[in-house]
Every structure is written in structure tokens, then in C-alpha cells.
Amino acid sequence: MLHAPGAFVQIGATRDGLDPYLRCARARGMTAVLVETPAYLRWRRHLRRRPFDLELPVPEPEDWEQVRDALRAAGVTPALVLAGFDRYVASAFRLAAAARVAPWPRAGRHFVPPDKAAQRAALRRHAPTVLQPRYAQVDPGAVGTGTAAGDGRGPEGHGPLSALAFPQVVKPVDGAGGLGVFLVRDEAERARALRDAAASANYGGAAFSGLLVEEHVLGTEYSVQCLAHDGRAHLLTFCEKLVLPEPNGELRGFREAGHLAAPGRSAPPALKALAQACVTATGYAEGPFHIDVIQNGEGPFFIEMGFRLSGFGLVALVSRVCGLDWAERAFAAHLERQGPDGPPGEARDEPQEKRWGRPPEETRGEPPYASRVDGRRRRAAGQLLATDPRQLARARALAAAQGHVRVEAGPPAPGPDGFTERELACLASDRQRHAAVLGRVTVEHEDPAWVRERLLYCAGAGPGGGSP
């Protein structure tokens, strides 16, 4: 049995492979413990991700009591519990509260992260001026039964499905990474999407706990990266999203393929006000979070909120455009009560290699989560997660002809051989949403329009790559 007092416990591995919290824990001499499903731990080893000091297999990490029991059996006493993946955010906060360790109680003495439906209800109740799409909540167990719950009526719904205009978006209240999200144009497509979503499995193989149907808002999509401290929202970056349509069975879904990041200090006041409204309405007083927004002529529409660091490699983009280590700031807030404007982690006395250890294989050759090699920060940085070999080919040609473009091939996704049927069922959602990523394309420049043009070109959604 390992005796590990004062350990850092991460529930769920990051799917982008960066695991920035691992460096923060080792910088403080903390034992770093990763809790995941047995199947995903095997999958992660095949991807050659950096190992934690201890990796604990738990059949259902979304059940905090299972995690607690596994930690006790291993002799682990946590000092900080954080989620590495959206699926396990609620489990992490519940375990921290039960163990009476950070981020409890500073995140909120009774805080439990609300799912997407509860987020909408909280904003309607506490911040009614915040724009949201009209929506209805649907019980998966009632889909296709003709009951009132099946057509979206209920205390948390904004009205019945019949009151919503098309096109609409169908999505789980507890999904992540675009899993189970459909764009529908009429009632027939909506009925199919609800059936498909209700029959789908969440990450780890469990069923979704609920479904949302909401009107599709046209506009520019943004993801906003923030840190809450003492109940105040601090914007680090905001990213314009590149969202591409993709087939989802016989219907259409979305893939969040790229991001163009800008420093939070240049965010419009409406985005800053929205971030603060989200913190106040949900009662989330301390820790990292991100919100998804659609901006159009009416203003910013709230879409959803995540109570952790962003995935998709955005931790690195935050650093590239504002020079801050988002994960380090979160650690410093939780463990040392240091605000986001305090001394940055990069100012520590020990050398970077000692503090961070070697970076993951897929990011070696660049300074992870730090400023550029030449010490400069770019006004704009963007990235594309390539899922098509033609995207990588365009990016490599662009990188050879121009500066400011780099291409990192991802590790090959493991095949099904060697995994049991039960393991493959547990990994089905990960294989669907994350195994398709072939590599990451990063573009940096002083001109955001220059970055956007090249991201669109690499994605196949824009004209030629332009001049250097």
C-alpha cells in the first residue's frame, strides 16, 4: 500500500494529453494520483501519455464514493482534488467536500457543479437579463412514450417542444466534447435525434441523465477561459471557435475543430459581464472555468459552462497569448490562496525543467504552458485539431512555405485488438470523439485576421494560405 498524505488527485485524464496539473503537483512535491476507468488507463498507456505517480482504476469514476474507497485502499490522503475531464467534475467536487480538502470550501461550501439544464435554470433565476436560447428539457426515459416529460414539459423547461422554432440542437445535459449533439431541421429529425441520444452512452459507458432541446442560435461562437477568485470572474482569454459540421449517423452534428485566441483584457465588456453573471448565478467562487457563447446582433447568448480547465489544448493557447499558466494559477488559488494577479508560476526560482519535468511526447520541442522561446507573446494564436489527412497536408505545406505555423502529429489511436468487448464498450465514446484527431496545427501572428485565414485554409473552409 502506498502511503501518500497530501496528495493531488485528478479524477479523469485530459483527452488532449496535456495534463498540466501533473506539472503543478510535481512542482510542489505532491504525489500525483490519476483516477480513471481501467479501460481508459490502458488506452492512455497505448497513447504513451505521461504517467502519474499512481494510477488507480475505478469502474465508475463519476461515483465519488467509489473513488473515495479506492483512495483509502491505496493509502492516499488527498490535499487537492480536481477533475481532468468534464465527465467527472461533479465527482471531484463531491469528493473534495466529503474529504474537506481544496477546492472545498473556497469554491463554495455547498457548491455542486450544475449540469447544462441546471445552468440554464440558475441563470434564468439569478441573471434573467442574460440571453439564452429558448429550450426544453427532456427525460431520456420518456423519449418516444408520448408522455409530457417526453415533449419537454417540466419545472426546469422553458416551455414545451412545440414552442421552439427550428433549427434546433439536441444534446445531453451531462455530455462533453460534442458527444450526442445533433442539429435538427424538423420534427422528424428531432424525434430521431432524441431516440439516438437517449440510446447513446456517455463517456465510460453510462447513460445520459437528461437531454436538452434548444433553438439553434446563429452567430459567431466563442469559448471564454476564466479563473474565479473570491467570487470574481477573471478573463484570461477568449477564443473564436471554428466549428465544422460532421455526419452523426443519419443526422448532422458538430465538431469543435479550431480556436483563435485573444487576451482577456481585450474582451468586450458584455463578455466580462456574462462571465461574472455565470459565477454569481452558479455560486462558483473559486477555480478555473470556461463558458461557451454565441455572439450575434442581439448580444452574447450563454450556451454552457464548464467547471475546469478547457480541453482541446486550450491551456497552451492561453499561455501563448497572455503568458499565464492557467493550471498553475488554479493550483495557486486553491492551495496558496493566491489571486490571478499574484506572482506567476513562471517566476519561481527553480529551473523550468525541474519544476515541470519533461513535457509529453506529443509536445516536446516547445516550452509547454510558457511564453515563446524568443520571450515574446503574440497578439493572436490559433490552433486546429486535424481529423482529415488533407488538413494535415495543407498545414505542412503552409508551414514549409511560411513561418508562424507548426504541425504536431498526434499519436496513432490504438486499434480494438487487445481490448475486451467490455473495455471497448467503455471506450466507445472516446473512440468516436477523440480517436479521430490526427494532429494539432498551431498558428501565431500579430494579426488575428492572418491567423484566422490560415486556420480556415488548413481546415478546408477557406481559400489559399495567403502571403507570409
Protein backbone atom coordinates (compact mmCIF):
# COMPACT_ATOMS: atom_id res chain seq x y z
CA MET A 1 0.00 0.00 0.00
CA LEU A 2 1.28 3.44 -0.91
CA HIS A 3 1.31 5.96 1.94
CA ALA A 4 0.63 9.29 0.23
CA PRO A 5 -0.52 12.08 2.54
CA GLY A 6 -1.16 15.48 0.99
CA ALA A 7 -1.60 14.05 -2.50
CA PHE A 8 -3.04 15.69 -5.59
CA VAL A 9 -5.87 13.60 -7.00
CA GLN A 10 -7.06 14.13 -10.58
CA ILE A 11 -10.31 12.38 -11.49
CA GLY A 12 -10.31 11.72 -15.21
CA ALA A 13 -7.46 12.08 -17.67
CA THR A 14 -7.42 15.01 -20.04
CA ARG A 15 -8.32 13.87 -23.53
CA ASP A 16 -5.89 16.30 -25.21
CA GLY A 17 -2.99 14.58 -23.44
CA LEU A 18 -1.54 17.71 -21.85
CA ASP A 19 -2.39 17.02 -18.18
CA PRO A 20 -1.00 20.38 -16.99
CA TYR A 21 -1.96 19.72 -13.36
CA LEU A 22 0.67 16.97 -13.25
CA ARG A 23 3.45 19.53 -13.57
CA CYS A 24 1.88 21.75 -10.92
CA ALA A 25 1.73 18.86 -8.44
CA ARG A 26 5.32 17.81 -9.05
CA ALA A 27 6.49 21.41 -8.71
CA ARG A 28 5.18 21.24 -5.13
CA GLY A 29 6.49 17.76 -4.37
CA MET A 30 2.97 16.33 -4.20
CA THR A 31 2.22 12.74 -5.10
CA ALA A 32 0.11 12.92 -8.26
CA VAL A 33 -2.73 10.38 -8.46
CA LEU A 34 -4.86 9.77 -11.54
CA VAL A 35 -8.24 8.06 -11.18
CA GLU A 36 -9.80 6.65 -14.34
CA THR A 37 -11.68 3.67 -15.69
CA PRO A 38 -9.49 0.58 -16.14
CA ALA A 39 -10.18 0.65 -19.87
CA TYR A 40 -9.12 4.28 -20.32
CA LEU A 41 -5.96 3.78 -18.26
CA ARG A 42 -4.98 1.04 -20.71
CA TRP A 43 -5.94 3.23 -23.65
CA ARG A 44 -3.87 6.10 -22.21
CA ARG A 45 -0.80 3.89 -21.86
CA HIS A 46 -1.14 2.88 -25.50
CA LEU A 47 -1.11 6.61 -26.35
CA ARG A 48 2.15 6.96 -24.36
CA ARG A 49 0.83 9.72 -22.13
CA ARG A 50 2.94 10.83 -19.19
CA PRO A 51 2.37 8.54 -16.20
CA PHE A 52 1.17 9.84 -12.86
CA ASP A 53 2.87 8.66 -9.67
CA LEU A 54 -0.11 6.43 -9.01
CA GLU A 55 -2.87 5.47 -11.44
CA LEU A 56 -5.97 3.99 -9.80
CA PRO A 57 -8.52 2.05 -11.84
CA VAL A 58 -12.10 2.73 -10.72
CA PRO A 59 -15.03 1.22 -12.63
CA GLU A 60 -17.20 4.37 -12.36
CA PRO A 61 -15.15 7.48 -11.53
CA GLU A 62 -18.34 9.54 -11.76
CA ASP A 63 -19.29 7.91 -8.44
CA TRP A 64 -17.27 9.80 -5.83
CA GLU A 65 -17.78 7.09 -3.22
CA GLN A 66 -16.06 4.54 -5.47
CA VAL A 67 -13.17 6.98 -5.84
CA ARG A 68 -13.03 7.55 -2.07
CA ASP A 69 -12.90 3.81 -1.40
CA ALA A 70 -10.13 3.29 -3.97
CA LEU A 71 -8.05 6.08 -2.46
CA ARG A 72 -8.47 4.66 1.05
CA ALA A 73 -7.46 1.19 -0.11
CA ALA A 74 -4.33 2.66 -1.75
CA GLY A 75 -3.40 4.70 1.33
CA VAL A 76 -3.89 8.04 -0.42
CA THR A 77 -4.91 11.10 1.59
CA PRO A 78 -5.77 13.93 -0.79
CA ALA A 79 -4.96 17.59 -0.24
CA LEU A 80 -6.45 18.74 -3.55
CA VAL A 81 -8.98 17.05 -5.82
CA LEU A 82 -9.63 18.35 -9.34
CA ALA A 83 -11.25 16.98 -12.48
CA GLY A 84 -9.28 16.43 -15.65
CA PHE A 85 -12.36 15.81 -17.78
CA ASP A 86 -15.92 17.20 -17.81
CA ARG A 87 -17.50 13.80 -17.17
CA TYR A 88 -16.02 13.70 -13.67
CA VAL A 89 -16.37 17.30 -12.50
CA ALA A 90 -19.26 16.61 -10.11
CA SER A 91 -17.45 13.60 -8.64
CA ALA A 92 -14.34 15.72 -7.95
CA PHE A 93 -16.24 18.46 -6.13
CA ARG A 94 -18.27 15.97 -4.08
CA LEU A 95 -15.15 14.05 -3.06
CA ALA A 96 -13.33 17.26 -2.08
CA ALA A 97 -16.28 18.34 0.08
CA ALA A 98 -16.52 14.93 1.76
CA ALA A 99 -12.76 14.88 2.43
CA ARG A 100 -12.86 18.57 3.42
CA VAL A 101 -9.95 19.45 1.15
CA ALA A 102 -9.43 22.02 -1.61
CA PRO A 103 -11.18 23.29 -3.64
CA TRP A 104 -13.70 22.97 -0.77
CA PRO A 105 -14.83 25.25 0.86
CA ARG A 106 -13.48 28.20 -1.15
CA ALA A 107 -15.20 27.10 -4.37
CA GLY A 108 -18.47 27.23 -2.40
CA ARG A 109 -19.23 25.41 0.82
CA HIS A 110 -22.26 23.70 -0.72
CA PHE A 111 -21.25 24.03 -4.36
CA VAL A 112 -22.10 21.14 -6.68
CA PRO A 113 -21.48 21.87 -10.37
CA PRO A 114 -24.83 22.15 -12.16
CA ASP A 115 -25.39 20.28 -15.40
CA LYS A 116 -26.34 22.13 -18.58
CA ALA A 117 -30.05 22.22 -17.74
CA ALA A 118 -29.44 23.41 -14.18
CA GLN A 119 -27.07 26.09 -15.50
CA ARG A 120 -29.86 27.48 -17.66
CA ALA A 121 -32.27 27.45 -14.73
CA ALA A 122 -29.75 29.19 -12.44
CA LEU A 123 -29.16 31.97 -14.95
CA ARG A 124 -32.90 32.42 -15.54
CA ARG A 125 -33.39 32.71 -11.79
CA HIS A 126 -30.39 34.85 -10.78
CA ALA A 127 -29.41 36.65 -14.00
CA PRO A 128 -32.60 36.92 -16.08
CA THR A 129 -31.12 39.56 -18.40
CA VAL A 130 -28.54 37.08 -19.73
CA LEU A 131 -29.52 35.95 -23.23
CA GLN A 132 -30.14 32.23 -23.69
CA PRO A 133 -31.69 30.17 -26.48
CA ARG A 134 -35.23 29.01 -25.76
CA TYR A 135 -35.10 25.40 -24.62
CA ALA A 136 -36.95 22.41 -23.22
CA GLN A 137 -35.66 19.62 -21.02
CA VAL A 138 -36.45 16.02 -21.95
CA ASP A 139 -36.32 12.88 -19.82
CA PRO A 140 -34.46 10.17 -21.82
CA GLY A 141 -36.66 7.50 -20.28
CA ALA A 142 -39.77 9.19 -21.69
CA VAL A 143 -38.49 9.61 -25.25
CA GLY A 144 -40.95 8.05 -27.66
CA THR A 145 -43.57 7.34 -24.99
CA GLY A 146 -45.78 10.35 -25.72
CA THR A 147 -45.70 11.48 -22.08
CA ALA A 148 -45.50 15.10 -21.01
CA ALA A 149 -41.90 14.63 -19.83
CA GLY A 150 -41.06 13.32 -23.27
CA ASP A 151 -42.09 16.54 -25.00
CA GLY A 152 -40.05 18.76 -22.75
CA ARG A 153 -42.62 19.96 -20.23
CA GLY A 154 -41.40 20.30 -16.67
CA PRO A 155 -40.37 22.77 -13.97
CA GLU A 156 -36.93 23.38 -15.47
CA GLY A 157 -38.01 23.61 -19.09
CA HIS A 158 -38.56 26.92 -20.80
CA GLY A 159 -41.69 25.52 -22.45
CA PRO A 160 -42.86 22.54 -24.49
CA LEU A 161 -41.03 21.42 -27.61
CA SER A 162 -43.89 22.68 -29.76
CA ALA A 163 -43.00 26.26 -28.75
CA LEU A 164 -39.45 26.04 -30.12
CA ALA A 165 -38.52 27.22 -33.61
CA PHE A 166 -36.33 25.21 -35.98
CA PRO A 167 -33.47 24.58 -36.47
CA GLN A 168 -32.80 23.10 -33.05
CA VAL A 169 -29.95 21.48 -31.18
CA VAL A 170 -30.43 18.24 -29.24
CA LYS A 171 -27.76 17.49 -26.63
CA PRO A 172 -27.24 15.66 -23.32
CA VAL A 173 -27.26 17.68 -20.11
CA ASP A 174 -24.13 15.86 -18.91
CA GLY A 175 -22.21 15.22 -22.13
CA ALA A 176 -18.85 16.66 -23.19
CA GLY A 177 -16.75 17.14 -26.31
CA GLY A 178 -19.71 17.29 -28.69
CA LEU A 179 -20.85 13.78 -27.76
CA GLY A 180 -24.52 13.17 -28.54
CA VAL A 181 -25.09 16.63 -30.05
CA PHE A 182 -27.35 16.89 -33.12
CA LEU A 183 -28.56 19.74 -35.33
CA VAL A 184 -32.13 19.08 -36.47
CA ARG A 185 -34.31 20.87 -39.02
CA ASP A 186 -37.77 19.45 -38.39
CA GLU A 187 -39.85 17.31 -36.05
CA ALA A 188 -38.88 14.04 -37.75
CA GLU A 189 -35.18 14.75 -37.35
CA ARG A 190 -35.73 15.86 -33.76
CA ALA A 191 -37.56 12.64 -32.91
CA ARG A 192 -34.71 10.60 -34.40
CA ALA A 193 -32.09 12.68 -32.59
CA LEU A 194 -33.86 12.25 -29.25
CA ARG A 195 -34.07 8.50 -29.77
CA ASP A 196 -30.41 8.27 -30.78
CA ALA A 197 -29.25 10.44 -27.87
CA ALA A 198 -31.39 8.54 -25.37
CA ALA A 199 -29.91 5.26 -26.58
CA SER A 200 -26.31 6.54 -26.59
CA ALA A 201 -23.76 6.06 -23.84
CA ASN A 202 -21.81 8.72 -22.03
CA TYR A 203 -18.05 8.50 -21.51
CA GLY A 204 -17.37 5.37 -19.50
CA GLY A 205 -20.48 3.64 -20.82
CA ALA A 206 -23.23 5.01 -18.54
CA ALA A 207 -26.47 6.50 -19.87
CA PHE A 208 -27.03 10.26 -20.13
CA SER A 209 -29.03 11.66 -17.23
CA GLY A 210 -31.11 14.06 -19.32
CA LEU A 211 -31.50 15.79 -22.66
CA LEU A 212 -31.93 19.38 -23.79
CA VAL A 213 -33.60 20.66 -26.93
CA GLU A 214 -32.84 24.30 -27.67
CA GLU A 215 -33.25 26.71 -30.53
CA HIS A 216 -30.12 26.98 -32.65
CA VAL A 217 -28.68 30.50 -32.34
CA LEU A 218 -26.90 31.83 -35.42
CA GLY A 219 -23.75 33.83 -34.79
CA THR A 220 -20.05 33.59 -34.00
CA GLU A 221 -19.15 31.04 -31.37
CA TYR A 222 -16.67 31.80 -28.59
CA SER A 223 -15.10 29.92 -25.71
CA VAL A 224 -14.02 32.08 -22.76
CA GLN A 225 -11.27 30.88 -20.40
CA CYS A 226 -11.52 32.23 -16.85
CA LEU A 227 -10.49 31.90 -13.24
CA ALA A 228 -12.87 32.62 -10.37
CA HIS A 229 -11.32 34.00 -7.19
CA ASP A 230 -13.25 35.26 -4.16
CA GLY A 231 -16.41 35.20 -6.27
CA ARG A 232 -14.99 37.39 -9.04
CA ALA A 233 -14.53 36.22 -12.61
CA HIS A 234 -11.17 36.98 -14.23
CA LEU A 235 -10.96 36.52 -18.02
CA LEU A 236 -7.67 35.12 -19.26
CA THR A 237 -8.50 34.61 -22.94
CA PHE A 238 -11.47 34.39 -25.25
CA CYS A 239 -11.37 32.17 -28.31
CA GLU A 240 -13.33 32.42 -31.53
CA LYS A 241 -14.33 28.88 -32.41
CA LEU A 242 -14.06 27.11 -35.71
CA VAL A 243 -16.98 24.68 -35.60
CA LEU A 244 -17.37 22.30 -38.52
CA PRO A 245 -20.47 20.23 -39.36
CA GLU A 246 -20.00 16.49 -39.45
CA PRO A 247 -22.25 13.49 -40.06
CA ASN A 248 -23.69 11.89 -36.95
CA GLY A 249 -25.41 8.75 -38.15
CA GLU A 250 -28.22 9.85 -40.46
CA LEU A 251 -28.22 13.31 -38.87
CA ARG A 252 -25.74 16.14 -38.53
CA GLY A 253 -23.58 17.08 -35.57
CA PHE A 254 -20.74 19.47 -34.82
CA ARG A 255 -17.02 19.20 -34.24
CA GLU A 256 -15.17 21.95 -32.38
CA ALA A 257 -12.19 21.89 -34.71
CA GLY A 258 -10.26 25.10 -34.07
CA HIS A 259 -9.81 28.16 -31.88
CA LEU A 260 -8.44 31.65 -32.41
CA ALA A 261 -7.38 33.08 -29.04
CA ALA A 262 -7.08 36.69 -27.89
CA PRO A 263 -6.09 38.12 -24.48
CA GLY A 264 -8.92 38.50 -21.99
CA ARG A 265 -8.08 42.16 -21.39
CA SER A 266 -9.32 42.90 -24.92
CA ALA A 267 -12.65 41.09 -24.41
CA PRO A 268 -15.75 43.23 -24.90
CA PRO A 269 -17.48 44.35 -21.68
CA ALA A 270 -20.51 42.16 -22.44
CA LEU A 271 -18.37 39.00 -22.27
CA LYS A 272 -16.84 40.08 -18.97
CA ALA A 273 -20.28 40.80 -17.56
CA LEU A 274 -21.54 37.41 -18.74
CA ALA A 275 -18.62 35.60 -17.07
CA GLN A 276 -19.37 37.35 -13.79
CA ALA A 277 -23.09 36.57 -14.10
CA CYS A 278 -22.23 32.88 -14.54
CA VAL A 279 -20.04 32.83 -11.43
CA THR A 280 -22.67 34.61 -9.35
CA ALA A 281 -25.64 32.57 -10.61
CA THR A 282 -23.96 29.18 -10.10
CA GLY A 283 -22.32 30.07 -6.78
CA TYR A 284 -18.87 29.08 -8.04
CA ALA A 285 -16.45 31.25 -6.06
CA GLU A 286 -13.01 29.82 -6.82
CA GLY A 287 -11.34 27.82 -9.57
CA PRO A 288 -10.92 27.56 -13.33
CA PHE A 289 -13.93 27.62 -15.62
CA HIS A 290 -14.88 28.23 -19.22
CA ILE A 291 -18.09 29.33 -20.89
CA ASP A 292 -19.35 28.82 -24.42
CA VAL A 293 -21.09 31.75 -26.04
CA ILE A 294 -22.70 32.60 -29.39
CA GLN A 295 -22.49 36.27 -30.33
CA ASN A 296 -24.84 37.94 -32.79
CA GLY A 297 -26.51 41.32 -33.23
CA GLU A 298 -28.60 40.83 -30.09
CA GLY A 299 -25.54 40.24 -27.92
CA PRO A 300 -23.82 37.21 -26.34
CA PHE A 301 -26.01 34.14 -25.79
CA PHE A 302 -24.99 31.81 -22.97
CA ILE A 303 -24.66 28.21 -24.19
CA GLU A 304 -22.95 26.30 -21.38
CA MET A 305 -20.32 26.44 -18.64
CA GLY A 306 -17.56 24.03 -17.62
CA PHE A 307 -16.03 23.99 -14.13
CA ARG A 308 -12.50 23.01 -15.05
CA LEU A 309 -9.67 23.87 -17.45
CA SER A 310 -10.69 23.77 -21.10
CA GLY A 311 -9.73 20.78 -23.19
CA PHE A 312 -8.75 20.82 -26.87
CA GLY A 313 -5.23 22.03 -25.98
CA LEU A 314 -6.53 25.47 -24.97
CA VAL A 315 -4.33 25.58 -21.86
CA ALA A 316 -1.37 26.07 -24.21
CA LEU A 317 -3.19 28.77 -26.21
CA VAL A 318 -3.92 30.70 -23.01
CA SER A 319 -0.20 30.83 -22.35
CA ARG A 320 0.69 31.80 -25.89
CA VAL A 321 -1.46 34.90 -25.94
CA CYS A 322 -1.28 36.12 -22.34
CA GLY A 323 1.82 34.45 -20.88
CA LEU A 324 -0.07 32.93 -17.93
CA ASP A 325 -0.07 29.31 -16.83
CA TRP A 326 -3.78 28.66 -16.29
CA ALA A 327 -3.24 25.40 -14.42
CA GLU A 328 -0.61 26.95 -12.15
CA ARG A 329 -2.92 29.86 -11.36
CA ALA A 330 -5.65 27.40 -10.41
CA PHE A 331 -3.28 25.43 -8.16
CA ALA A 332 -2.01 28.64 -6.53
CA ALA A 333 -5.57 29.82 -5.87
CA HIS A 334 -6.67 26.51 -4.35
CA LEU A 335 -3.58 25.71 -2.27
CA GLU A 336 -1.95 29.07 -1.57
CA ARG A 337 -4.92 31.46 -1.73
CA GLN A 338 -3.10 33.39 -4.43
CA GLY A 339 -5.22 35.56 -6.72
CA PRO A 340 -4.92 35.55 -10.50
CA ASP A 341 -2.90 38.78 -10.38
CA GLY A 342 -0.30 37.34 -7.99
CA PRO A 343 3.22 36.25 -8.94
CA PRO A 344 3.06 33.90 -11.93
CA GLY A 345 4.24 30.34 -11.64
CA GLU A 346 6.93 31.12 -14.21
CA ALA A 347 8.62 33.37 -11.63
CA ARG A 348 9.52 30.51 -9.29
CA ASP A 349 13.24 30.17 -8.55
CA GLU A 350 13.75 26.58 -9.62
CA PRO A 351 14.58 25.84 -13.27
CA GLN A 352 11.69 25.07 -15.59
CA GLU A 353 12.83 21.51 -16.27
CA LYS A 354 12.93 20.81 -12.53
CA ARG A 355 9.54 22.40 -11.99
CA TRP A 356 7.69 20.85 -14.87
CA GLY A 357 9.59 17.72 -15.75
CA ARG A 358 9.78 16.63 -19.35
CA PRO A 359 6.75 17.52 -21.46
CA PRO A 360 4.53 14.88 -23.04
CA GLU A 361 6.00 13.32 -26.14
CA GLU A 362 3.45 14.97 -28.40
CA THR A 363 4.53 18.46 -27.19
CA ARG A 364 8.28 18.02 -26.83
CA GLY A 365 10.34 20.63 -28.62
CA GLU A 366 8.22 23.55 -27.39
CA PRO A 367 8.04 25.20 -23.96
CA PRO A 368 4.68 23.95 -22.66
CA TYR A 369 2.41 26.48 -20.99
CA ALA A 370 5.09 29.17 -21.10
CA SER A 371 5.87 32.12 -23.35
CA ARG A 372 7.57 31.64 -26.70
CA VAL A 373 11.24 30.75 -26.99
CA ASP A 374 12.06 34.33 -28.04
CA GLY A 375 10.24 35.67 -24.95
CA ARG A 376 7.53 37.40 -26.99
CA ARG A 377 3.80 36.86 -26.75
CA ARG A 378 1.70 37.08 -29.85
CA ARG A 379 -1.42 39.16 -30.11
CA ALA A 380 -3.20 36.18 -31.62
CA ALA A 381 -2.67 32.44 -31.62
CA GLY A 382 -4.86 29.73 -33.04
CA GLN A 383 -4.98 26.00 -33.42
CA LEU A 384 -6.75 23.38 -35.49
CA LEU A 385 -7.33 19.80 -34.41
CA ALA A 386 -6.95 17.97 -37.71
CA THR A 387 -9.22 14.99 -38.30
CA ASP A 388 -8.59 14.62 -42.06
CA PRO A 389 -5.20 13.80 -43.65
CA ARG A 390 -5.84 16.57 -46.18
CA GLN A 391 -5.93 19.10 -43.35
CA LEU A 392 -2.51 17.96 -42.15
CA ALA A 393 -1.17 18.05 -45.71
CA ARG A 394 -2.32 21.64 -46.22
CA ALA A 395 -0.85 22.64 -42.87
CA ARG A 396 2.51 21.01 -43.61
CA ALA A 397 2.70 22.75 -46.97
CA LEU A 398 1.88 26.06 -45.31
CA ALA A 399 4.48 25.50 -42.59
CA ALA A 400 7.13 24.78 -45.21
CA ALA A 401 6.33 27.95 -47.15
CA GLN A 402 5.73 30.37 -44.26
CA GLY A 403 6.73 30.93 -40.67
CA HIS A 404 4.40 31.07 -37.69
CA VAL A 405 2.82 27.68 -38.50
CA ARG A 406 3.72 24.43 -36.76
CA VAL A 407 2.29 20.95 -37.14
CA GLU A 408 2.36 18.27 -34.45
CA ALA A 409 1.26 14.79 -35.40
CA GLY A 410 -0.79 13.05 -32.76
CA PRO A 411 -0.02 9.53 -31.54
CA PRO A 412 -1.83 6.84 -33.53
CA ALA A 413 -5.05 5.75 -31.89
CA PRO A 414 -4.94 2.15 -30.64
CA GLY A 415 -6.98 -0.35 -32.57
CA PRO A 416 -9.53 -2.67 -30.98
CA ASP A 417 -7.16 -5.64 -30.84
CA GLY A 418 -6.16 -6.49 -27.30
CA PHE A 419 -9.19 -4.85 -25.69
CA THR A 420 -12.12 -6.86 -24.38
CA GLU A 421 -15.67 -6.22 -25.54
CA ARG A 422 -16.45 -4.67 -22.17
CA GLU A 423 -13.45 -2.33 -22.46
CA LEU A 424 -14.42 -1.33 -25.99
CA ALA A 425 -17.95 -0.54 -24.80
CA CYS A 426 -16.47 1.68 -22.08
CA LEU A 427 -14.22 3.38 -24.65
CA ALA A 428 -16.85 3.76 -27.37
CA SER A 429 -17.46 7.47 -26.84
CA ASP A 430 -13.74 8.25 -26.60
CA ARG A 431 -13.07 6.33 -29.79
CA GLN A 432 -15.87 8.22 -31.53
CA ARG A 433 -14.93 11.75 -30.42
CA HIS A 434 -11.20 11.77 -29.66
CA ALA A 435 -9.51 8.98 -31.61
CA ALA A 436 -10.26 10.82 -34.86
CA VAL A 437 -7.76 13.63 -34.08
CA LEU A 438 -4.67 13.14 -36.24
CA GLY A 439 -2.66 16.13 -35.08
CA ARG A 440 -2.60 19.75 -33.98
CA VAL A 441 -1.84 22.78 -36.15
CA THR A 442 -0.74 25.95 -34.32
CA VAL A 443 -0.59 29.38 -35.95
CA GLU A 444 0.78 32.54 -34.27
CA HIS A 445 0.98 36.12 -35.56
CA GLU A 446 0.41 39.72 -34.56
CA ASP A 447 -2.63 39.94 -36.85
CA PRO A 448 -5.70 37.89 -35.81
CA ALA A 449 -7.07 38.03 -39.37
CA TRP A 450 -3.83 36.45 -40.63
CA VAL A 451 -4.22 33.60 -38.14
CA ARG A 452 -7.90 33.10 -38.94
CA GLU A 453 -7.26 32.92 -42.69
CA ARG A 454 -4.67 30.19 -42.29
CA LEU A 455 -6.73 28.17 -39.86
CA LEU A 456 -9.67 28.24 -42.27
CA TYR A 457 -7.38 27.26 -45.14
CA CYS A 458 -5.94 24.30 -43.23
CA ALA A 459 -9.44 23.21 -42.23
CA GLY A 460 -10.58 23.30 -45.85
CA ALA A 461 -13.11 26.03 -45.08
CA GLY A 462 -11.30 28.96 -46.72
CA PRO A 463 -9.21 30.00 -49.76
CA GLY A 464 -5.43 29.68 -50.16
CA GLY A 465 -2.99 30.26 -47.34
CA GLY A 466 -2.06 33.81 -48.35
CA SER A 467 1.32 35.51 -48.02
CA PRO A 468 3.70 35.38 -45.06
